[in-house]
Protein backbone atom coordinates (compact mmCIF):
# COMPACT_ATOMS: atom_id res chain seq x y z
CA UNK A 1 -70.70 78.96 -108.85
CA UNK A 2 -70.64 75.60 -106.99
CA UNK A 3 -73.40 74.46 -104.70
CA UNK A 4 -71.40 74.92 -101.63
CA UNK A 5 -70.93 78.92 -103.03
CA UNK A 6 -74.39 79.51 -103.50
CA UNK A 7 -75.19 77.58 -100.09
CA UNK A 8 -72.74 79.92 -97.97
CA UNK A 9 -74.53 81.99 -95.80
CA UNK A 10 -73.31 84.81 -93.13
CA UNK A 11 -75.90 85.04 -90.58
CA UNK A 12 -75.85 88.13 -88.04
CA UNK A 13 -73.26 90.53 -89.19
CA UNK A 14 -72.29 93.11 -86.32
CA UNK A 15 -72.35 96.42 -87.68
CA UNK A 16 -71.83 98.13 -84.66
CA UNK A 17 -70.42 101.81 -85.89
CA UNK A 18 -73.78 101.57 -88.07
CA UNK A 19 -76.26 100.26 -85.63
CA UNK A 20 -77.91 103.52 -85.47
CA UNK A 21 -78.62 104.67 -88.53
CA UNK A 22 -78.78 101.73 -90.38
CA UNK A 23 -81.09 98.20 -89.66
CA UNK A 24 -79.68 95.98 -86.94
CA UNK A 25 -79.50 92.88 -88.46
CA UNK A 26 -77.79 91.65 -91.81
CA UNK A 27 -78.14 88.08 -93.63
CA UNK A 28 -76.09 87.55 -96.49
CA UNK A 29 -76.47 84.76 -98.85
CA UNK A 30 -73.81 83.97 -101.84
CA UNK A 31 -75.74 82.73 -105.06
CA UNK A 32 -77.29 84.05 -107.68
CA UNK A 33 -80.72 85.84 -106.07
CA UNK A 34 -83.77 85.04 -107.82
CA UNK A 35 -84.56 88.40 -109.06
CA UNK A 36 -81.47 87.95 -111.53
CA UNK A 37 -82.10 84.72 -112.94
CA UNK A 38 -83.12 84.86 -116.54
CA UNK A 39 -85.75 83.25 -118.24
CA UNK A 40 -83.52 80.38 -119.87
CA UNK A 41 -85.81 77.41 -118.37
CA UNK A 42 -83.03 76.36 -115.98
CA UNK A 43 -79.96 76.57 -118.57
CA UNK A 44 -77.53 77.70 -115.77
CA UNK A 45 -74.40 78.64 -118.44
CA UNK A 46 -77.24 80.86 -120.14
CA UNK A 47 -78.14 82.45 -116.46
CA UNK A 48 -74.65 83.30 -115.72
CA UNK A 49 -73.56 84.45 -118.78
CA UNK A 50 -76.82 87.19 -118.75
CA UNK A 51 -75.31 87.96 -115.32
CA UNK A 52 -72.10 88.39 -116.33
CA UNK A 53 -73.30 91.07 -118.68
CA UNK A 54 -75.72 92.61 -116.21
CA UNK A 55 -72.57 92.70 -114.30
CA UNK A 56 -69.95 94.05 -116.67
CA UNK A 57 -72.77 97.26 -117.74
CA UNK A 58 -72.98 98.08 -113.97
CA UNK A 59 -69.49 98.42 -113.45
CA UNK A 60 -69.18 100.30 -116.06
CA UNK A 61 -71.78 102.80 -115.13
CA UNK A 62 -70.58 106.13 -113.36
CA UNK A 63 -73.68 106.76 -111.35
CA UNK A 64 -74.31 104.33 -107.94
CA UNK A 65 -77.44 103.07 -106.79
CA UNK A 66 -76.75 105.79 -103.93
CA UNK A 67 -77.05 108.62 -106.49
CA UNK A 68 -79.55 107.09 -108.60
CA UNK A 69 -81.96 107.06 -105.38
CA UNK A 70 -81.06 110.81 -104.40
CA UNK A 71 -81.78 111.83 -107.80
CA UNK A 72 -84.74 110.28 -107.75
CA UNK A 73 -86.22 111.39 -104.36
CA UNK A 74 -85.08 115.30 -105.25
CA UNK A 75 -87.90 115.17 -107.93
CA UNK A 76 -90.30 115.50 -104.86
CA UNK A 77 -89.39 116.91 -101.70
CA UNK A 78 -90.09 113.98 -98.72
CA UNK A 79 -90.11 111.18 -101.10
CA UNK A 80 -88.24 108.09 -100.23
CA UNK A 81 -87.02 105.43 -102.50
CA UNK A 82 -89.41 102.08 -101.92
CA UNK A 83 -87.67 99.98 -104.72
CA UNK A 84 -84.50 100.20 -107.29
CA UNK A 85 -83.13 98.14 -109.74
CA UNK A 86 -80.04 98.09 -112.23
CA UNK A 87 -81.11 97.67 -115.92
CA UNK A 88 -78.64 97.18 -118.47
CA UNK A 89 -80.52 95.06 -120.96
CA UNK A 90 -81.73 97.86 -122.51
CA UNK A 91 -79.59 100.14 -125.00
CA UNK A 92 -79.09 102.72 -122.45
CA UNK A 93 -77.85 101.29 -118.88
CA UNK A 94 -80.68 102.70 -116.26
CA UNK A 95 -81.65 102.30 -112.67
CA UNK A 96 -85.73 101.98 -112.33
CA UNK A 97 -86.21 103.50 -109.25
CA UNK A 98 -90.24 103.66 -107.08
CA UNK A 99 -90.71 106.67 -104.96
CA UNK A 100 -93.32 106.97 -102.51
CA UNK A 101 -94.49 110.71 -102.22
CA UNK A 102 -97.79 111.81 -100.96
CA UNK A 103 -99.83 108.40 -101.36
CA UNK A 104 -98.33 108.01 -104.77
CA UNK A 105 -95.73 105.98 -106.46
CA UNK A 106 -93.39 107.46 -108.98
CA UNK A 107 -91.41 105.43 -111.15
CA UNK A 108 -88.59 107.33 -112.89
CA UNK A 109 -85.96 105.82 -115.04
CA UNK A 110 -82.11 107.49 -114.14
CA UNK A 111 -79.88 107.00 -117.19
CA UNK A 112 -76.79 104.86 -115.10
CA UNK A 113 -74.11 106.81 -117.22
CA UNK A 114 -75.21 110.63 -116.56
CA UNK A 115 -77.75 110.99 -114.23
CA UNK A 116 -80.32 112.29 -116.46
CA UNK A 117 -84.02 111.48 -116.06
CA UNK A 118 -85.40 109.37 -119.29
CA UNK A 119 -88.60 109.74 -120.46
CA UNK A 120 -89.91 112.05 -117.82
CA UNK A 121 -92.43 109.93 -114.95
CA UNK A 122 -95.02 108.37 -114.13
CA UNK A 123 -96.80 108.27 -110.79
CA UNK A 124 -99.65 105.71 -109.29
CA UNK A 125 -101.96 106.13 -106.84
CA UNK A 126 -101.46 103.62 -103.98
CA UNK A 127 -105.44 102.75 -104.08
CA UNK A 128 -104.55 101.02 -106.91
CA UNK A 129 -102.19 98.92 -106.03
CA UNK A 130 -102.99 95.46 -104.10
CA UNK A 131 -103.59 95.17 -100.43
CA UNK A 132 -100.28 93.56 -99.78
CA UNK A 133 -98.18 95.98 -101.72
CA UNK A 134 -100.25 98.81 -99.71
CA UNK A 135 -99.42 97.43 -96.22
CA UNK A 136 -95.86 97.31 -97.51
CA UNK A 137 -95.47 100.99 -98.15
CA UNK A 138 -97.80 101.87 -95.37
CA UNK A 139 -94.86 99.96 -93.02
CA UNK A 140 -92.27 101.71 -95.31
CA UNK A 141 -93.54 105.21 -94.15
CA UNK A 142 -93.51 103.94 -90.22
CA UNK A 143 -90.17 102.99 -90.31
CA UNK A 144 -87.31 105.61 -89.52
CA UNK A 145 -84.97 103.85 -91.85
CA UNK A 146 -84.50 104.17 -95.50
CA UNK A 147 -83.90 102.20 -98.06
CA UNK A 148 -80.50 104.19 -98.59
CA UNK A 149 -79.70 103.01 -94.75
CA UNK A 150 -80.12 99.54 -95.97
CA UNK A 151 -77.91 100.03 -99.32
CA UNK A 152 -74.91 101.06 -97.21
CA UNK A 153 -75.18 98.37 -94.63
CA UNK A 154 -75.42 95.97 -97.16
CA UNK A 155 -72.71 97.34 -99.19
CA UNK A 156 -70.81 97.08 -96.46
CA UNK A 157 -71.92 93.90 -94.83
CA UNK A 158 -71.22 91.78 -98.75
CA UNK A 159 -68.08 93.99 -99.28
CA UNK A 160 -69.62 95.37 -102.75
CA UNK A 161 -71.82 97.49 -104.53
CA UNK A 162 -75.57 97.47 -104.27
CA UNK A 163 -77.12 96.78 -107.57
CA UNK A 164 -81.09 96.70 -106.92
CA UNK A 165 -82.63 96.60 -103.24
CA UNK A 166 -86.58 96.97 -102.15
CA UNK A 167 -88.84 95.50 -99.83
CA UNK A 168 -89.66 91.94 -98.77
CA UNK A 169 -92.18 90.61 -96.45
CA UNK A 170 -90.96 87.38 -94.79
CA UNK A 171 -92.91 85.99 -91.92
CA UNK A 172 -95.39 89.18 -91.54
CA UNK A 173 -92.34 91.02 -91.30
CA UNK A 174 -91.07 93.59 -93.66
CA UNK A 175 -87.46 93.47 -94.70
CA UNK A 176 -85.14 95.35 -97.02
CA UNK A 177 -83.59 92.96 -99.87
CA UNK A 178 -80.52 94.49 -101.14
CA UNK A 179 -78.68 92.35 -104.14
CA UNK A 180 -74.57 93.05 -103.80
CA UNK A 181 -72.09 92.90 -106.59
CA UNK A 182 -69.34 91.40 -104.62
CA UNK A 183 -66.05 90.18 -107.05
CA UNK A 184 -67.59 87.70 -109.16
CA UNK A 185 -70.22 87.21 -106.79
CA UNK A 186 -74.13 88.21 -106.06
CA UNK A 187 -74.72 88.22 -102.69
CA UNK A 188 -78.54 88.83 -101.37
CA UNK A 189 -78.81 90.85 -97.84
CA UNK A 190 -81.66 90.89 -95.81
CA UNK A 191 -81.78 93.64 -93.69
CA UNK A 192 -84.59 93.89 -90.57
CA UNK A 193 -85.28 97.06 -89.38
CA UNK A 194 -84.64 97.57 -85.27
CA UNK A 195 -87.62 96.95 -83.75
CA UNK A 196 -89.31 94.95 -86.12
CA UNK A 197 -88.38 91.71 -84.48
CA UNK A 198 -90.72 90.37 -81.71
CA UNK A 199 -89.56 90.24 -78.59
């Protein structure tokens, strides 16, 4: 992947058909998102090979990220997804989904081929998280948009399929960050929920 491709970005994609149902502004950046870099101390060739293996395992999975989120959210009525990622590095490709419900973070591992829950689920009280994580999750509960909405918009904006998504705080604002596979590229899409911008 060239440096020019990595620095290419599309700003303020207008998605008028989805504006009411999903975050209002998307910023799409092409390149290997930081979250997917391997621990190979900067070896670009090894990084790309690891990413390519992960993409191939993702493409061969029959469960989508949206389906994995729905499966995890269905475990607890009223739960909402705070973070989701595909993990093809272990024996069986899985989605790791964190949901928020009743002041707890629930961790689920969903088989990417069958949609079955792997190894049960674990809960962590919000009081055991650091202050920044608690603030982010409180903000997630206060906005009307869900990570599932952000995934749908990001897939449309980047013309691909989401492989991970979660919350990021930039300059004091909470945004959704979604990584999308588009062709042979990874694109990071940052979505700002409506009303989050200073007027």
